[in-house]
Amino acid sequence: MNTTLSIKNVEKISKALGDPYRLKIMEAVKKQDWMPCCEILGMIDLAQSTVSHHIKQLVDADLLVSEKDGRNMRYTVNKEVVTEYVNFLNPFKD
């Protein structure tokens, strides 16, 4: 799936990455192929509802892909969207 990010997508991704807890979630999930929701909850000292909100923001920005695993959810980094985001930002470094 080769898509180009719109300005609206870039804005949504930037906002999603603008929170230290979300960055921590992204960093942890990238270390695994798929990370169960319970592991994310265990690594962040926040209420379950707050962690769910952070995960939802990352999923809504297409930074994380969710998959149902029995009764639980698990997540992986959407590497394609992250690559497109980085490619969008690359011209700004020159």
C-alpha atoms as a PDB file:
ATOM      1  CA  MET A   1       0.000   0.000   0.000  1.00  0.00           C
ATOM      2  CA  ASN A   2       1.852   3.059  -1.244  1.00  0.00           C
ATOM      3  CA  THR A   3       0.105   6.228  -0.170  1.00  0.00           C
ATOM      4  CA  THR A   4       1.259   9.751   0.357  1.00  0.00           C
ATOM      5  CA  LEU A   5       0.321  11.435   3.595  1.00  0.00           C
ATOM      6  CA  SER A   6      -1.917  14.454   3.403  1.00  0.00           C
ATOM      7  CA  ILE A   7      -1.233  17.532   5.502  1.00  0.00           C
ATOM      8  CA  LYS A   8      -4.164  16.468   7.707  1.00  0.00           C
ATOM      9  CA  ASN A   9      -2.535  13.054   8.261  1.00  0.00           C
ATOM     10  CA  VAL A  10       0.796  14.695   9.103  1.00  0.00           C
ATOM     11  CA  GLU A  11      -0.961  16.965  11.597  1.00  0.00           C
ATOM     12  CA  LYS A  12      -2.745  14.010  13.247  1.00  0.00           C
ATOM     13  CA  ILE A  13       0.497  12.021  13.486  1.00  0.00           C
ATOM     14  CA  SER A  14       2.391  15.008  14.890  1.00  0.00           C
ATOM     15  CA  LYS A  15      -0.263  15.551  17.554  1.00  0.00           C
ATOM     16  CA  ALA A  16      -0.271  11.859  18.444  1.00  0.00           C
ATOM     17  CA  LEU A  17       3.519  11.882  18.851  1.00  0.00           C
ATOM     18  CA  GLY A  18       3.408  15.068  20.914  1.00  0.00           C
ATOM     19  CA  ASP A  19       2.854  13.214  24.176  1.00  0.00           C
ATOM     20  CA  PRO A  20       5.662  11.519  26.135  1.00  0.00           C
ATOM     21  CA  TYR A  21       3.480   8.546  27.105  1.00  0.00           C
ATOM     22  CA  ARG A  22       2.584   7.903  23.472  1.00  0.00           C
ATOM     23  CA  LEU A  23       6.243   8.081  22.504  1.00  0.00           C
ATOM     24  CA  LYS A  24       6.989   5.562  25.258  1.00  0.00           C
ATOM     25  CA  ILE A  25       4.262   3.264  23.919  1.00  0.00           C
ATOM     26  CA  MET A  26       5.633   3.542  20.366  1.00  0.00           C
ATOM     27  CA  GLU A  27       9.155   2.819  21.566  1.00  0.00           C
ATOM     28  CA  ALA A  28       8.045  -0.286  23.496  1.00  0.00           C
ATOM     29  CA  VAL A  29       5.851  -1.645  20.704  1.00  0.00           C
ATOM     30  CA  LYS A  30       8.591  -1.253  18.070  1.00  0.00           C
ATOM     31  CA  LYS A  31      10.810  -3.614  20.081  1.00  0.00           C
ATOM     32  CA  GLN A  32       8.323  -6.448  19.543  1.00  0.00           C
ATOM     33  CA  ASP A  33       6.554  -7.768  16.509  1.00  0.00           C
ATOM     34  CA  TRP A  34       3.192  -7.566  18.303  1.00  0.00           C
ATOM     35  CA  MET A  35       2.651  -6.254  21.837  1.00  0.00           C
ATOM     36  CA  PRO A  36      -0.397  -7.280  23.885  1.00  0.00           C
ATOM     37  CA  CYS A  37      -2.424  -4.513  25.455  1.00  0.00           C
ATOM     38  CA  CYS A  38      -1.812  -5.944  28.937  1.00  0.00           C
ATOM     39  CA  GLU A  39       1.953  -5.442  28.498  1.00  0.00           C
ATOM     40  CA  ILE A  40       1.421  -1.809  27.535  1.00  0.00           C
ATOM     41  CA  LEU A  41      -0.782  -1.336  30.597  1.00  0.00           C
ATOM     42  CA  GLY A  42       1.881  -2.929  32.791  1.00  0.00           C
ATOM     43  CA  MET A  43       4.685  -0.635  31.664  1.00  0.00           C
ATOM     44  CA  ILE A  44       2.891   2.690  32.173  1.00  0.00           C
ATOM     45  CA  ASP A  45       1.763   3.864  35.600  1.00  0.00           C
ATOM     46  CA  LEU A  46      -1.539   5.340  34.436  1.00  0.00           C
ATOM     47  CA  ALA A  47      -5.179   4.339  34.723  1.00  0.00           C
ATOM     48  CA  GLN A  48      -6.349   1.764  32.192  1.00  0.00           C
ATOM     49  CA  SER A  49      -8.735   4.295  30.640  1.00  0.00           C
ATOM     50  CA  THR A  50      -5.898   6.791  30.158  1.00  0.00           C
ATOM     51  CA  VAL A  51      -3.639   4.202  28.524  1.00  0.00           C
ATOM     52  CA  SER A  52      -6.544   3.180  26.282  1.00  0.00           C
ATOM     53  CA  HIS A  53      -6.971   6.820  25.263  1.00  0.00           C
ATOM     54  CA  HIS A  54      -3.274   7.090  24.351  1.00  0.00           C
ATOM     55  CA  ILE A  55      -3.418   3.856  22.343  1.00  0.00           C
ATOM     56  CA  LYS A  56      -6.566   5.045  20.564  1.00  0.00           C
ATOM     57  CA  GLN A  57      -4.812   8.271  19.535  1.00  0.00           C
ATOM     58  CA  LEU A  58      -1.932   6.254  18.070  1.00  0.00           C
ATOM     59  CA  VAL A  59      -4.295   3.870  16.252  1.00  0.00           C
ATOM     60  CA  ASP A  60      -6.406   6.777  14.932  1.00  0.00           C
ATOM     61  CA  ALA A  61      -3.223   8.378  13.560  1.00  0.00           C
ATOM     62  CA  ASP A  62      -2.383   5.034  11.863  1.00  0.00           C
ATOM     63  CA  LEU A  63       0.858   4.787  13.821  1.00  0.00           C
ATOM     64  CA  LEU A  64      -0.233   1.529  15.466  1.00  0.00           C
ATOM     65  CA  VAL A  65      -2.127  -1.340  13.902  1.00  0.00           C
ATOM     66  CA  SER A  66      -4.463  -3.238  16.213  1.00  0.00           C
ATOM     67  CA  GLU A  67      -5.448  -6.872  15.984  1.00  0.00           C
ATOM     68  CA  LYS A  68      -7.820  -8.890  18.101  1.00  0.00           C
ATOM     69  CA  ASP A  69      -6.094 -11.839  19.749  1.00  0.00           C
ATOM     70  CA  GLY A  70      -8.809 -13.922  21.398  1.00  0.00           C
ATOM     71  CA  ARG A  71     -10.388 -11.638  23.981  1.00  0.00           C
ATOM     72  CA  ASN A  72      -7.435  -9.255  23.980  1.00  0.00           C
ATOM     73  CA  MET A  73      -5.950  -6.697  21.630  1.00  0.00           C
ATOM     74  CA  ARG A  74      -2.381  -6.532  20.437  1.00  0.00           C
ATOM     75  CA  TYR A  75      -0.524  -3.819  18.575  1.00  0.00           C
ATOM     76  CA  THR A  76       2.311  -3.367  16.119  1.00  0.00           C
ATOM     77  CA  VAL A  77       3.933  -0.267  14.645  1.00  0.00           C
ATOM     78  CA  ASN A  78       2.662   0.686  11.197  1.00  0.00           C
ATOM     79  CA  LYS A  79       6.126   0.952   9.665  1.00  0.00           C
ATOM     80  CA  GLU A  80       4.789   2.157   6.324  1.00  0.00           C
ATOM     81  CA  VAL A  81       3.084   5.201   7.853  1.00  0.00           C
ATOM     82  CA  VAL A  82       6.097   5.952  10.056  1.00  0.00           C
ATOM     83  CA  THR A  83       8.343   5.802   6.976  1.00  0.00           C
ATOM     84  CA  GLU A  84       6.021   8.120   5.044  1.00  0.00           C
ATOM     85  CA  TYR A  85       5.989  10.553   7.966  1.00  0.00           C
ATOM     86  CA  VAL A  86       9.782  10.575   8.163  1.00  0.00           C
ATOM     87  CA  ASN A  87       9.974  11.034   4.378  1.00  0.00           C
ATOM     88  CA  PHE A  88       7.598  13.980   4.644  1.00  0.00           C
ATOM     89  CA  LEU A  89       9.828  15.601   7.283  1.00  0.00           C
ATOM     90  CA  ASN A  90      13.164  14.839   5.592  1.00  0.00           C
ATOM     91  CA  PRO A  91      13.149  17.901   3.282  1.00  0.00           C
ATOM     92  CA  PHE A  92      12.978  20.160   6.349  1.00  0.00           C
ATOM     93  CA  LYS A  93      16.403  19.074   7.586  1.00  0.00           C
ATOM     94  CA  ASP A  94      18.293  20.623   4.653  1.00  0.00           C
END
